[in-house]
PDB file of N, CA and C in Angstrom:
ATOM      1  N   UNK A   1     -20.004   6.288  -0.491  1.00  0.00           N
ATOM      2  CA  UNK A   1     -19.041   5.806   0.376  1.00  0.00           C
ATOM      3  C   UNK A   1     -19.329   4.401   0.384  1.00  0.00           C
ATOM      4  N   UNK A   2     -18.267   3.501   0.121  1.00  0.00           N
ATOM      5  CA  UNK A   2     -18.296   2.138   0.209  1.00  0.00           C
ATOM      6  C   UNK A   2     -18.582   1.593   1.584  1.00  0.00           C
ATOM      7  N   UNK A   3     -19.413   0.430   1.601  1.00  0.00           N
ATOM      8  CA  UNK A   3     -19.803   0.047   2.983  1.00  0.00           C
ATOM      9  C   UNK A   3     -18.666  -0.944   3.618  1.00  0.00           C
ATOM     10  N   UNK A   4     -18.571  -1.013   4.826  1.00  0.00           N
ATOM     11  CA  UNK A   4     -17.428  -1.795   5.397  1.00  0.00           C
ATOM     12  C   UNK A   4     -17.917  -3.230   5.177  1.00  0.00           C
ATOM     13  N   UNK A   5     -16.758  -4.093   4.892  1.00  0.00           N
ATOM     14  CA  UNK A   5     -17.032  -5.501   4.469  1.00  0.00           C
ATOM     15  C   UNK A   5     -16.820  -6.233   5.790  1.00  0.00           C
ATOM     16  N   UNK A   6     -16.214  -5.779   6.681  1.00  0.00           N
ATOM     17  CA  UNK A   6     -15.990  -6.557   8.048  1.00  0.00           C
ATOM     18  C   UNK A   6     -14.802  -7.675   7.883  1.00  0.00           C
ATOM     19  N   UNK A   7     -14.194  -7.512   6.828  1.00  0.00           N
ATOM     20  CA  UNK A   7     -12.972  -8.420   6.427  1.00  0.00           C
ATOM     21  C   UNK A   7     -11.755  -7.552   6.814  1.00  0.00           C
ATOM     22  N   UNK A   8     -11.086  -7.903   7.770  1.00  0.00           N
ATOM     23  CA  UNK A   8      -9.715  -7.127   8.163  1.00  0.00           C
ATOM     24  C   UNK A   8      -8.585  -7.744   7.496  1.00  0.00           C
ATOM     25  N   UNK A   9      -7.738  -7.098   6.924  1.00  0.00           N
ATOM     26  CA  UNK A   9      -6.561  -7.381   6.195  1.00  0.00           C
ATOM     27  C   UNK A   9      -5.312  -6.524   6.444  1.00  0.00           C
ATOM     28  N   UNK A  10      -4.256  -7.283   6.598  1.00  0.00           N
ATOM     29  CA  UNK A  10      -2.960  -6.603   6.829  1.00  0.00           C
ATOM     30  C   UNK A  10      -2.421  -5.817   5.563  1.00  0.00           C
ATOM     31  N   UNK A  11      -1.804  -4.853   5.538  1.00  0.00           N
ATOM     32  CA  UNK A  11      -1.372  -4.192   4.217  1.00  0.00           C
ATOM     33  C   UNK A  11      -0.885  -5.192   3.345  1.00  0.00           C
ATOM     34  N   UNK A  12       0.018  -6.248   3.861  1.00  0.00           N
ATOM     35  CA  UNK A  12       0.549  -7.155   2.826  1.00  0.00           C
ATOM     36  C   UNK A  12      -0.449  -8.016   2.237  1.00  0.00           C
ATOM     37  N   UNK A  13      -1.551  -8.071   2.773  1.00  0.00           N
ATOM     38  CA  UNK A  13      -2.671  -8.795   1.957  1.00  0.00           C
ATOM     39  C   UNK A  13      -3.287  -8.227   0.859  1.00  0.00           C
ATOM     40  N   UNK A  14      -3.173  -7.036   0.720  1.00  0.00           N
ATOM     41  CA  UNK A  14      -3.722  -6.385  -0.329  1.00  0.00           C
ATOM     42  C   UNK A  14      -2.856  -6.538  -1.669  1.00  0.00           C
ATOM     43  N   UNK A  15      -3.578  -6.674  -3.047  1.00  0.00           N
ATOM     44  CA  UNK A  15      -2.698  -6.935  -4.042  1.00  0.00           C
ATOM     45  C   UNK A  15      -2.021  -5.650  -4.359  1.00  0.00           C
ATOM     46  N   UNK A  16      -0.899  -5.856  -5.148  1.00  0.00           N
ATOM     47  CA  UNK A  16      -0.194  -4.473  -5.621  1.00  0.00           C
ATOM     48  C   UNK A  16       0.774  -3.739  -4.674  1.00  0.00           C
ATOM     49  N   UNK A  17       0.952  -4.357  -3.319  1.00  0.00           N
ATOM     50  CA  UNK A  17       1.867  -3.643  -2.357  1.00  0.00           C
ATOM     51  C   UNK A  17       3.064  -3.863  -2.224  1.00  0.00           C
ATOM     52  N   UNK A  18       3.654  -4.744  -2.922  1.00  0.00           N
ATOM     53  CA  UNK A  18       4.821  -5.344  -3.078  1.00  0.00           C
ATOM     54  C   UNK A  18       6.025  -4.077  -2.891  1.00  0.00           C
ATOM     55  N   UNK A  19       5.980  -3.231  -3.652  1.00  0.00           N
ATOM     56  CA  UNK A  19       6.741  -2.165  -3.814  1.00  0.00           C
ATOM     57  C   UNK A  19       6.797  -1.174  -2.463  1.00  0.00           C
ATOM     58  N   UNK A  20       5.644  -1.247  -1.750  1.00  0.00           N
ATOM     59  CA  UNK A  20       5.072  -0.307  -0.744  1.00  0.00           C
ATOM     60  C   UNK A  20       5.551  -0.948   0.671  1.00  0.00           C
ATOM     61  N   UNK A  21       5.819  -2.242   0.785  1.00  0.00           N
ATOM     62  CA  UNK A  21       5.713  -2.945   1.923  1.00  0.00           C
ATOM     63  C   UNK A  21       6.838  -2.595   2.968  1.00  0.00           C
ATOM     64  N   UNK A  22       8.034  -2.444   2.370  1.00  0.00           N
ATOM     65  CA  UNK A  22       9.350  -1.783   3.360  1.00  0.00           C
ATOM     66  C   UNK A  22       9.009  -0.356   3.803  1.00  0.00           C
ATOM     67  N   UNK A  23       8.430   0.372   3.025  1.00  0.00           N
ATOM     68  CA  UNK A  23       8.123   1.534   3.466  1.00  0.00           C
ATOM     69  C   UNK A  23       6.908   1.590   4.510  1.00  0.00           C
ATOM     70  N   UNK A  24       5.948   0.875   4.220  1.00  0.00           N
ATOM     71  CA  UNK A  24       4.870   0.637   5.226  1.00  0.00           C
ATOM     72  C   UNK A  24       5.404   0.263   6.645  1.00  0.00           C
ATOM     73  N   UNK A  25       6.365  -0.868   6.468  1.00  0.00           N
ATOM     74  CA  UNK A  25       6.729  -1.157   7.824  1.00  0.00           C
ATOM     75  C   UNK A  25       7.626  -0.023   8.510  1.00  0.00           C
ATOM     76  N   UNK A  26       8.532   0.517   7.707  1.00  0.00           N
ATOM     77  CA  UNK A  26       9.452   1.386   8.349  1.00  0.00           C
ATOM     78  C   UNK A  26       8.400   2.757   9.012  1.00  0.00           C
ATOM     79  N   UNK A  27       7.773   3.106   8.102  1.00  0.00           N
ATOM     80  CA  UNK A  27       7.118   4.502   8.504  1.00  0.00           C
ATOM     81  C   UNK A  27       5.874   4.171   9.601  1.00  0.00           C
ATOM     82  N   UNK A  28       5.196   3.019   9.615  1.00  0.00           N
ATOM     83  CA  UNK A  28       4.060   2.793  10.158  1.00  0.00           C
ATOM     84  C   UNK A  28       4.221   1.773  11.457  1.00  0.00           C
ATOM     85  N   UNK A  29       4.867   0.653  11.435  1.00  0.00           N
ATOM     86  CA  UNK A  29       4.865  -0.458  12.078  1.00  0.00           C
ATOM     87  C   UNK A  29       6.259  -0.336  13.337  1.00  0.00           C
ATOM     88  N   UNK A  30       7.446  -0.012  12.470  1.00  0.00           N
ATOM     89  CA  UNK A  30       8.547   0.389  13.351  1.00  0.00           C
ATOM     90  C   UNK A  30       8.352   1.355  14.540  1.00  0.00           C
ATOM     91  N   UNK A  31       7.758   2.361  14.183  1.00  0.00           N
ATOM     92  CA  UNK A  31       7.508   3.467  15.179  1.00  0.00           C
ATOM     93  C   UNK A  31       6.550   2.978  16.464  1.00  0.00           C
ATOM     94  N   UNK A  32       5.391   2.120  16.199  1.00  0.00           N
ATOM     95  CA  UNK A  32       4.685   1.654  17.074  1.00  0.00           C
ATOM     96  C   UNK A  32       5.487   0.601  17.938  1.00  0.00           C
ATOM     97  N   UNK A  33       6.345  -0.286  17.312  1.00  0.00           N
ATOM     98  CA  UNK A  33       7.242  -1.167  18.190  1.00  0.00           C
ATOM     99  C   UNK A  33       8.345  -0.345  18.939  1.00  0.00           C
ATOM    100  N   UNK A  34       8.710   0.754  18.445  1.00  0.00           N
ATOM    101  CA  UNK A  34       9.585   1.513  19.221  1.00  0.00           C
ATOM    102  C   UNK A  34       8.952   2.226  20.468  1.00  0.00           C
ATOM    103  N   UNK A  35       7.985   2.871  20.298  1.00  0.00           N
ATOM    104  CA  UNK A  35       7.341   3.570  21.223  1.00  0.00           C
ATOM    105  C   UNK A  35       6.411   2.635  22.255  1.00  0.00           C
ATOM    106  N   UNK A  36       5.646   1.530  21.818  1.00  0.00           N
ATOM    107  CA  UNK A  36       4.922   0.621  22.792  1.00  0.00           C
ATOM    108  C   UNK A  36       5.662  -0.734  22.873  1.00  0.00           C
ATOM    109  N   UNK A  37       6.603  -0.989  22.161  1.00  0.00           N
ATOM    110  CA  UNK A  37       7.079  -2.522  22.326  1.00  0.00           C
ATOM    111  C   UNK A  37       7.413  -3.140  23.796  1.00  0.00           C
ATOM    112  N   UNK A  38       7.831  -1.977  24.598  1.00  0.00           N
ATOM    113  CA  UNK A  38       8.070  -2.622  26.201  1.00  0.00           C
ATOM    114  C   UNK A  38       6.959  -2.411  27.119  1.00  0.00           C
ATOM    115  N   UNK A  39       5.953  -1.670  26.587  1.00  0.00           N
ATOM    116  CA  UNK A  39       4.893  -1.453  27.460  1.00  0.00           C
ATOM    117  C   UNK A  39       3.615  -1.193  26.614  1.00  0.00           C
ATOM    118  N   UNK A  40       3.121  -2.065  25.835  1.00  0.00           N
ATOM    119  CA  UNK A  40       2.071  -1.933  25.013  1.00  0.00           C
ATOM    120  C   UNK A  40       0.782  -1.485  25.663  1.00  0.00           C
ATOM    121  N   UNK A  41       0.556  -1.626  27.171  1.00  0.00           N
ATOM    122  CA  UNK A  41      -0.661  -1.133  27.644  1.00  0.00           C
ATOM    123  C   UNK A  41      -0.569   0.296  27.614  1.00  0.00           C
ATOM    124  N   UNK A  42       0.534   1.128  27.428  1.00  0.00           N
ATOM    125  CA  UNK A  42       0.584   2.420  27.349  1.00  0.00           C
ATOM    126  C   UNK A  42      -0.279   2.907  26.216  1.00  0.00           C
ATOM    127  N   UNK A  43      -0.673   2.109  25.462  1.00  0.00           N
ATOM    128  CA  UNK A  43      -1.442   2.592  24.056  1.00  0.00           C
ATOM    129  C   UNK A  43      -2.683   3.063  24.558  1.00  0.00           C
ATOM    130  N   UNK A  44      -3.261   2.384  25.505  1.00  0.00           N
ATOM    131  CA  UNK A  44      -4.526   3.002  26.300  1.00  0.00           C
ATOM    132  C   UNK A  44      -4.755   4.470  26.562  1.00  0.00           C
ATOM    133  N   UNK A  45      -3.405   5.165  26.644  1.00  0.00           N
ATOM    134  CA  UNK A  45      -3.352   6.454  26.993  1.00  0.00           C
ATOM    135  C   UNK A  45      -3.930   7.278  25.835  1.00  0.00           C
ATOM    136  N   UNK A  46      -4.126   6.888  24.631  1.00  0.00           N
ATOM    137  CA  UNK A  46      -4.662   7.602  23.500  1.00  0.00           C
ATOM    138  C   UNK A  46      -6.023   7.658  23.382  1.00  0.00           C
ATOM    139  N   UNK A  47      -6.613   6.584  24.187  1.00  0.00           N
ATOM    140  CA  UNK A  47      -8.255   6.514  24.099  1.00  0.00           C
ATOM    141  C   UNK A  47      -8.862   8.018  24.586  1.00  0.00           C
ATOM    142  N   UNK A  48      -8.319   8.695  25.454  1.00  0.00           N
ATOM    143  CA  UNK A  48      -8.832  10.091  25.702  1.00  0.00           C
ATOM    144  C   UNK A  48      -8.777  10.826  24.665  1.00  0.00           C
ATOM    145  N   UNK A  49      -7.912  10.777  23.687  1.00  0.00           N
ATOM    146  CA  UNK A  49      -7.835  11.773  22.716  1.00  0.00           C
ATOM    147  C   UNK A  49      -8.171  11.570  21.218  1.00  0.00           C
ATOM    148  N   UNK A  50      -8.360  10.274  20.997  1.00  0.00           N
ATOM    149  CA  UNK A  50      -8.409   9.787  19.615  1.00  0.00           C
ATOM    150  C   UNK A  50     -10.026   9.184  19.686  1.00  0.00           C
ATOM    151  N   UNK A  51     -10.571   9.152  18.425  1.00  0.00           N
ATOM    152  CA  UNK A  51     -11.824   8.408  18.273  1.00  0.00           C
ATOM    153  C   UNK A  51     -11.405   6.782  18.285  1.00  0.00           C
ATOM    154  N   UNK A  52     -11.106   6.309  19.232  1.00  0.00           N
ATOM    155  CA  UNK A  52     -10.520   4.968  19.241  1.00  0.00           C
ATOM    156  C   UNK A  52     -11.370   4.107  20.507  1.00  0.00           C
ATOM    157  N   UNK A  53     -11.313   3.014  20.333  1.00  0.00           N
ATOM    158  CA  UNK A  53     -11.753   2.041  21.599  1.00  0.00           C
ATOM    159  C   UNK A  53     -10.943   0.683  21.419  1.00  0.00           C
ATOM    160  N   UNK A  54     -10.987   0.300  22.606  1.00  0.00           N
ATOM    161  CA  UNK A  54     -10.202  -1.066  22.646  1.00  0.00           C
ATOM    162  C   UNK A  54     -10.922  -2.250  21.918  1.00  0.00           C
ATOM    163  N   UNK A  55     -10.208  -3.085  21.356  1.00  0.00           N
ATOM    164  CA  UNK A  55     -10.824  -4.220  20.683  1.00  0.00           C
ATOM    165  C   UNK A  55     -10.195  -5.450  21.060  1.00  0.00           C
ATOM    166  N   UNK A  56     -10.459  -6.662  20.321  1.00  0.00           N
ATOM    167  CA  UNK A  56      -9.907  -7.970  20.512  1.00  0.00           C
ATOM    168  C   UNK A  56      -8.542  -8.215  19.733  1.00  0.00           C
ATOM    169  N   UNK A  57      -7.648  -8.936  20.287  1.00  0.00           N
ATOM    170  CA  UNK A  57      -6.537  -9.391  19.494  1.00  0.00           C
ATOM    171  C   UNK A  57      -5.318  -8.706  19.955  1.00  0.00           C
ATOM    172  N   UNK A  58      -4.076  -9.399  19.836  1.00  0.00           N
ATOM    173  CA  UNK A  58      -2.693  -9.034  20.334  1.00  0.00           C
ATOM    174  C   UNK A  58      -2.859  -9.052  21.821  1.00  0.00           C
ATOM    175  N   UNK A  59      -1.779  -8.519  22.261  1.00  0.00           N
ATOM    176  CA  UNK A  59      -1.837  -8.191  23.715  1.00  0.00           C
ATOM    177  C   UNK A  59      -2.615  -7.002  24.165  1.00  0.00           C
ATOM    178  N   UNK A  60      -2.730  -5.886  23.053  1.00  0.00           N
ATOM    179  CA  UNK A  60      -3.553  -4.817  23.148  1.00  0.00           C
ATOM    180  C   UNK A  60      -3.996  -4.550  21.765  1.00  0.00           C
ATOM    181  N   UNK A  61      -5.290  -4.097  21.582  1.00  0.00           N
ATOM    182  CA  UNK A  61      -5.532  -3.763  20.150  1.00  0.00           C
ATOM    183  C   UNK A  61      -6.563  -2.652  20.370  1.00  0.00           C
ATOM    184  N   UNK A  62      -6.421  -1.551  19.430  1.00  0.00           N
ATOM    185  CA  UNK A  62      -7.300  -0.469  19.317  1.00  0.00           C
ATOM    186  C   UNK A  62      -7.776  -0.171  17.765  1.00  0.00           C
ATOM    187  N   UNK A  63      -9.078  -0.152  17.947  1.00  0.00           N
ATOM    188  CA  UNK A  63      -9.929   0.179  16.864  1.00  0.00           C
ATOM    189  C   UNK A  63     -10.078   1.741  16.565  1.00  0.00           C
ATOM    190  N   UNK A  64      -9.418   2.199  15.832  1.00  0.00           N
ATOM    191  CA  UNK A  64      -9.413   3.766  15.518  1.00  0.00           C
ATOM    192  C   UNK A  64     -10.300   4.019  14.219  1.00  0.00           C
ATOM    193  N   UNK A  65     -11.102   5.023  14.421  1.00  0.00           N
ATOM    194  CA  UNK A  65     -11.986   5.571  13.390  1.00  0.00           C
ATOM    195  C   UNK A  65     -11.229   6.643  12.713  1.00  0.00           C
ATOM    196  N   UNK A  66     -10.416   6.364  11.728  1.00  0.00           N
ATOM    197  CA  UNK A  66      -9.518   7.528  10.975  1.00  0.00           C
ATOM    198  C   UNK A  66     -10.307   8.478  10.261  1.00  0.00           C
ATOM    199  N   UNK A  67     -11.418   8.146   9.424  1.00  0.00           N
ATOM    200  CA  UNK A  67     -12.303   8.879   8.848  1.00  0.00           C
ATOM    201  C   UNK A  67     -13.567   7.903   9.144  1.00  0.00           C
ATOM    202  N   UNK A  68     -14.834   8.619   8.650  1.00  0.00           N
ATOM    203  CA  UNK A  68     -15.893   7.778   8.624  1.00  0.00           C
ATOM    204  C   UNK A  68     -15.971   6.687   7.806  1.00  0.00           C
ATOM    205  N   UNK A  69     -16.345   5.469   8.411  1.00  0.00           N
ATOM    206  CA  UNK A  69     -16.218   4.147   7.564  1.00  0.00           C
ATOM    207  C   UNK A  69     -14.833   3.805   7.141  1.00  0.00           C
ATOM    208  N   UNK A  70     -13.701   4.537   7.766  1.00  0.00           N
ATOM    209  CA  UNK A  70     -12.428   4.087   7.627  1.00  0.00           C
ATOM    210  C   UNK A  70     -11.543   3.731   8.793  1.00  0.00           C
ATOM    211  N   UNK A  71     -12.030   2.565   9.277  1.00  0.00           N
ATOM    212  CA  UNK A  71     -11.326   2.121  10.488  1.00  0.00           C
ATOM    213  C   UNK A  71      -9.806   1.571  10.271  1.00  0.00           C
ATOM    214  N   UNK A  72      -9.185   1.700  11.148  1.00  0.00           N
ATOM    215  CA  UNK A  72      -7.773   1.134  11.305  1.00  0.00           C
ATOM    216  C   UNK A  72      -7.703   0.347  12.582  1.00  0.00           C
ATOM    217  N   UNK A  73      -7.357  -1.003  12.553  1.00  0.00           N
ATOM    218  CA  UNK A  73      -7.146  -1.731  13.864  1.00  0.00           C
ATOM    219  C   UNK A  73      -5.769  -1.787  13.884  1.00  0.00           C
ATOM    220  N   UNK A  74      -5.343  -1.394  15.299  1.00  0.00           N
ATOM    221  CA  UNK A  74      -3.767  -1.582  15.480  1.00  0.00           C
ATOM    222  C   UNK A  74      -3.778  -2.617  16.706  1.00  0.00           C
ATOM    223  N   UNK A  75      -2.823  -3.480  16.440  1.00  0.00           N
ATOM    224  CA  UNK A  75      -2.527  -4.686  17.506  1.00  0.00           C
ATOM    225  C   UNK A  75      -1.040  -4.722  17.813  1.00  0.00           C
ATOM    226  N   UNK A  76      -0.961  -4.859  19.232  1.00  0.00           N
ATOM    227  CA  UNK A  76       0.520  -5.059  19.715  1.00  0.00           C
ATOM    228  C   UNK A  76       0.566  -6.107  20.519  1.00  0.00           C
ATOM    229  N   UNK A  77       1.802  -6.697  20.449  1.00  0.00           N
ATOM    230  CA  UNK A  77       2.192  -7.992  21.225  1.00  0.00           C
ATOM    231  C   UNK A  77       3.299  -7.634  21.862  1.00  0.00           C
ATOM    232  N   UNK A  78       3.465  -8.222  23.208  1.00  0.00           N
ATOM    233  CA  UNK A  78       4.566  -7.973  24.055  1.00  0.00           C
ATOM    234  C   UNK A  78       5.632  -8.939  23.714  1.00  0.00           C
ATOM    235  N   UNK A  79       6.874  -8.552  24.201  1.00  0.00           N
ATOM    236  CA  UNK A  79       8.013  -9.368  24.036  1.00  0.00           C
ATOM    237  C   UNK A  79       7.810 -10.650  24.864  1.00  0.00           C
ATOM    238  N   UNK A  80       8.221 -11.755  24.414  1.00  0.00           N
ATOM    239  CA  UNK A  80       8.275 -13.019  25.238  1.00  0.00           C
ATOM    240  C   UNK A  80       9.565 -13.623  25.185  1.00  0.00           C
ATOM    241  N   UNK A  81       9.617 -14.799  25.662  1.00  0.00           N
ATOM    242  CA  UNK A  81      11.069 -15.512  25.719  1.00  0.00           C
ATOM    243  C   UNK A  81      11.451 -15.969  24.342  1.00  0.00           C
ATOM    244  N   UNK A  82      10.528 -16.077  23.448  1.00  0.00           N
ATOM    245  CA  UNK A  82      10.815 -16.520  22.071  1.00  0.00           C
ATOM    246  C   UNK A  82      10.937 -15.418  21.013  1.00  0.00           C
ATOM    247  N   UNK A  83      10.052 -14.441  21.095  1.00  0.00           N
ATOM    248  CA  UNK A  83       9.870 -13.444  20.225  1.00  0.00           C
ATOM    249  C   UNK A  83       9.990 -11.972  20.684  1.00  0.00           C
ATOM    250  N   UNK A  84      10.429 -10.980  19.973  1.00  0.00           N
ATOM    251  CA  UNK A  84      10.516  -9.563  20.452  1.00  0.00           C
ATOM    252  C   UNK A  84       9.043  -9.103  20.190  1.00  0.00           C
ATOM    253  N   UNK A  85       9.066  -7.756  20.540  1.00  0.00           N
ATOM    254  CA  UNK A  85       7.698  -6.977  20.505  1.00  0.00           C
ATOM    255  C   UNK A  85       7.231  -7.130  19.058  1.00  0.00           C
ATOM    256  N   UNK A  86       5.962  -7.027  18.756  1.00  0.00           N
ATOM    257  CA  UNK A  86       5.342  -6.919  17.488  1.00  0.00           C
ATOM    258  C   UNK A  86       4.248  -6.097  17.567  1.00  0.00           C
ATOM    259  N   UNK A  87       4.007  -5.534  16.269  1.00  0.00           N
ATOM    260  CA  UNK A  87       2.749  -4.604  15.901  1.00  0.00           C
ATOM    261  C   UNK A  87       2.203  -4.845  14.546  1.00  0.00           C
ATOM    262  N   UNK A  88       0.898  -4.619  14.272  1.00  0.00           N
ATOM    263  CA  UNK A  88       0.327  -4.552  13.047  1.00  0.00           C
ATOM    264  C   UNK A  88      -0.884  -3.545  12.888  1.00  0.00           C
ATOM    265  N   UNK A  89      -0.933  -3.449  11.661  1.00  0.00           N
ATOM    266  CA  UNK A  89      -2.234  -2.658  11.252  1.00  0.00           C
ATOM    267  C   UNK A  89      -3.172  -3.358  10.257  1.00  0.00           C
ATOM    268  N   UNK A  90      -4.426  -3.175  10.731  1.00  0.00           N
ATOM    269  CA  UNK A  90      -5.535  -4.049   9.764  1.00  0.00           C
ATOM    270  C   UNK A  90      -6.301  -2.834   9.310  1.00  0.00           C
ATOM    271  N   UNK A  91      -6.879  -3.296   8.253  1.00  0.00           N
ATOM    272  CA  UNK A  91      -7.708  -2.341   7.456  1.00  0.00           C
ATOM    273  C   UNK A  91      -9.060  -3.288   6.887  1.00  0.00           C
ATOM    274  N   UNK A  92     -10.098  -2.646   6.833  1.00  0.00           N
ATOM    275  CA  UNK A  92     -11.199  -3.198   6.351  1.00  0.00           C
ATOM    276  C   UNK A  92     -10.980  -3.199   4.836  1.00  0.00           C
ATOM    277  N   UNK A  93     -11.405  -4.421   4.166  1.00  0.00           N
ATOM    278  CA  UNK A  93     -10.948  -4.694   2.855  1.00  0.00           C
ATOM    279  C   UNK A  93     -11.357  -3.673   1.944  1.00  0.00           C
ATOM    280  N   UNK A  94     -12.644  -2.920   2.384  1.00  0.00           N
ATOM    281  CA  UNK A  94     -13.103  -1.811   1.559  1.00  0.00           C
ATOM    282  C   UNK A  94     -12.469  -0.596   1.344  1.00  0.00           C
ATOM    283  N   UNK A  95     -11.369  -0.473   1.981  1.00  0.00           N
ATOM    284  CA  UNK A  95     -10.291   0.746   1.973  1.00  0.00           C
ATOM    285  C   UNK A  95      -9.899   0.841   0.572  1.00  0.00           C
ATOM    286  N   UNK A  96      -9.671  -0.544  -0.206  1.00  0.00           N
ATOM    287  CA  UNK A  96      -9.070  -0.327  -1.475  1.00  0.00           C
ATOM    288  C   UNK A  96     -10.184   0.360  -2.647  1.00  0.00           C
ATOM    289  N   UNK A  97     -11.387   0.454  -2.016  1.00  0.00           N
ATOM    290  CA  UNK A  97     -12.148   1.112  -2.851  1.00  0.00           C
ATOM    291  C   UNK A  97     -12.158   2.540  -2.708  1.00  0.00           C
ATOM    292  N   UNK A  98     -11.571   3.037  -1.559  1.00  0.00           N
ATOM    293  CA  UNK A  98     -11.504   4.384  -1.198  1.00  0.00           C
ATOM    294  C   UNK A  98     -10.292   5.215  -1.537  1.00  0.00           C
ATOM    295  N   UNK A  99      -8.969   4.342  -1.173  1.00  0.00           N
ATOM    296  CA  UNK A  99      -7.808   4.925  -1.301  1.00  0.00           C
ATOM    297  C   UNK A  99      -6.904   4.099  -2.136  1.00  0.00           C
ATOM    298  N   UNK A 100      -5.868   4.685  -2.903  1.00  0.00           N
ATOM    299  CA  UNK A 100      -4.855   3.844  -3.635  1.00  0.00           C
ATOM    300  C   UNK A 100      -3.647   3.384  -2.421  1.00  0.00           C
ATOM    301  N   UNK A 101      -2.891   2.495  -3.056  1.00  0.00           N
ATOM    302  CA  UNK A 101      -1.871   1.956  -2.108  1.00  0.00           C
ATOM    303  C   UNK A 101      -1.016   2.835  -1.451  1.00  0.00           C
ATOM    304  N   UNK A 102      -0.591   3.935  -2.172  1.00  0.00           N
ATOM    305  CA  UNK A 102       0.172   4.931  -1.588  1.00  0.00           C
ATOM    306  C   UNK A 102      -0.532   5.678  -0.562  1.00  0.00           C
ATOM    307  N   UNK A 103      -1.710   6.002  -0.836  1.00  0.00           N
ATOM    308  CA  UNK A 103      -2.562   6.607   0.148  1.00  0.00           C
ATOM    309  C   UNK A 103      -2.750   5.839   1.338  1.00  0.00           C
ATOM    310  N   UNK A 104      -2.876   4.651   1.337  1.00  0.00           N
ATOM    311  CA  UNK A 104      -3.017   3.818   2.525  1.00  0.00           C
ATOM    312  C   UNK A 104      -1.738   3.977   3.323  1.00  0.00           C
ATOM    313  N   UNK A 105      -0.597   3.863   2.791  1.00  0.00           N
ATOM    314  CA  UNK A 105       0.493   4.130   3.539  1.00  0.00           C
ATOM    315  C   UNK A 105       0.650   5.399   4.138  1.00  0.00           C
ATOM    316  N   UNK A 106       0.233   6.390   3.640  1.00  0.00           N
ATOM    317  CA  UNK A 106      -0.016   7.756   4.380  1.00  0.00           C
ATOM    318  C   UNK A 106      -0.864   7.810   5.307  1.00  0.00           C
ATOM    319  N   UNK A 107      -2.046   7.162   5.188  1.00  0.00           N
ATOM    320  CA  UNK A 107      -2.963   7.203   6.128  1.00  0.00           C
ATOM    321  C   UNK A 107      -2.570   6.431   7.492  1.00  0.00           C
ATOM    322  N   UNK A 108      -2.015   5.239   7.339  1.00  0.00           N
ATOM    323  CA  UNK A 108      -1.362   4.485   8.309  1.00  0.00           C
ATOM    324  C   UNK A 108      -0.116   5.369   9.066  1.00  0.00           C
ATOM    325  N   UNK A 109       0.699   6.046   8.319  1.00  0.00           N
ATOM    326  CA  UNK A 109       1.670   6.913   8.805  1.00  0.00           C
ATOM    327  C   UNK A 109       1.102   7.983   9.668  1.00  0.00           C
ATOM    328  N   UNK A 110      -0.130   8.537   9.285  1.00  0.00           N
ATOM    329  CA  UNK A 110      -0.742   9.658  10.074  1.00  0.00           C
ATOM    330  C   UNK A 110      -1.249   8.856  11.211  1.00  0.00           C
ATOM    331  N   UNK A 111      -1.968   7.769  11.288  1.00  0.00           N
ATOM    332  CA  UNK A 111      -2.474   7.191  12.209  1.00  0.00           C
ATOM    333  C   UNK A 111      -1.243   6.820  13.445  1.00  0.00           C
ATOM    334  N   UNK A 112      -0.275   6.367  12.948  1.00  0.00           N
ATOM    335  CA  UNK A 112       0.804   5.903  13.601  1.00  0.00           C
ATOM    336  C   UNK A 112       1.371   6.894  14.460  1.00  0.00           C
ATOM    337  N   UNK A 113       1.560   8.231  13.673  1.00  0.00           N
ATOM    338  CA  UNK A 113       2.127   9.351  14.358  1.00  0.00           C
ATOM    339  C   UNK A 113       1.303  10.086  15.508  1.00  0.00           C
ATOM    340  N   UNK A 114      -0.019   9.712  15.453  1.00  0.00           N
ATOM    341  CA  UNK A 114      -1.051  10.087  16.437  1.00  0.00           C
ATOM    342  C   UNK A 114      -0.986   9.353  17.726  1.00  0.00           C
ATOM    343  N   UNK A 115      -0.433   8.107  17.619  1.00  0.00           N
ATOM    344  CA  UNK A 115      -0.465   7.353  18.789  1.00  0.00           C
ATOM    345  C   UNK A 115       0.773   7.293  19.590  1.00  0.00           C
TER     346      UNK A 115
END
């Protein structure tokens, strides 16, 4: 099992993901914004049922242990006067040594569906 690098990357920062970016956003990010965009703090409700803990960044962030040594960091931002609500998922850069691009999308979709 590859060691964690400690370097967090968004999906778009991985090489070779261009053809998957739209699907990633539609399947993984949009559902988070729809569900938590108006109330990001409601994301705390999943702490009792998932291997997750609060983290730093965004208006609220959760660090989710999707598999051993395969963390997913989810960040949400509230709507303000200038911008609508937003969300993103971050992955340790070592995930590319474990999963192919398509599998990262599937993993992220599975995480999003559990939130």
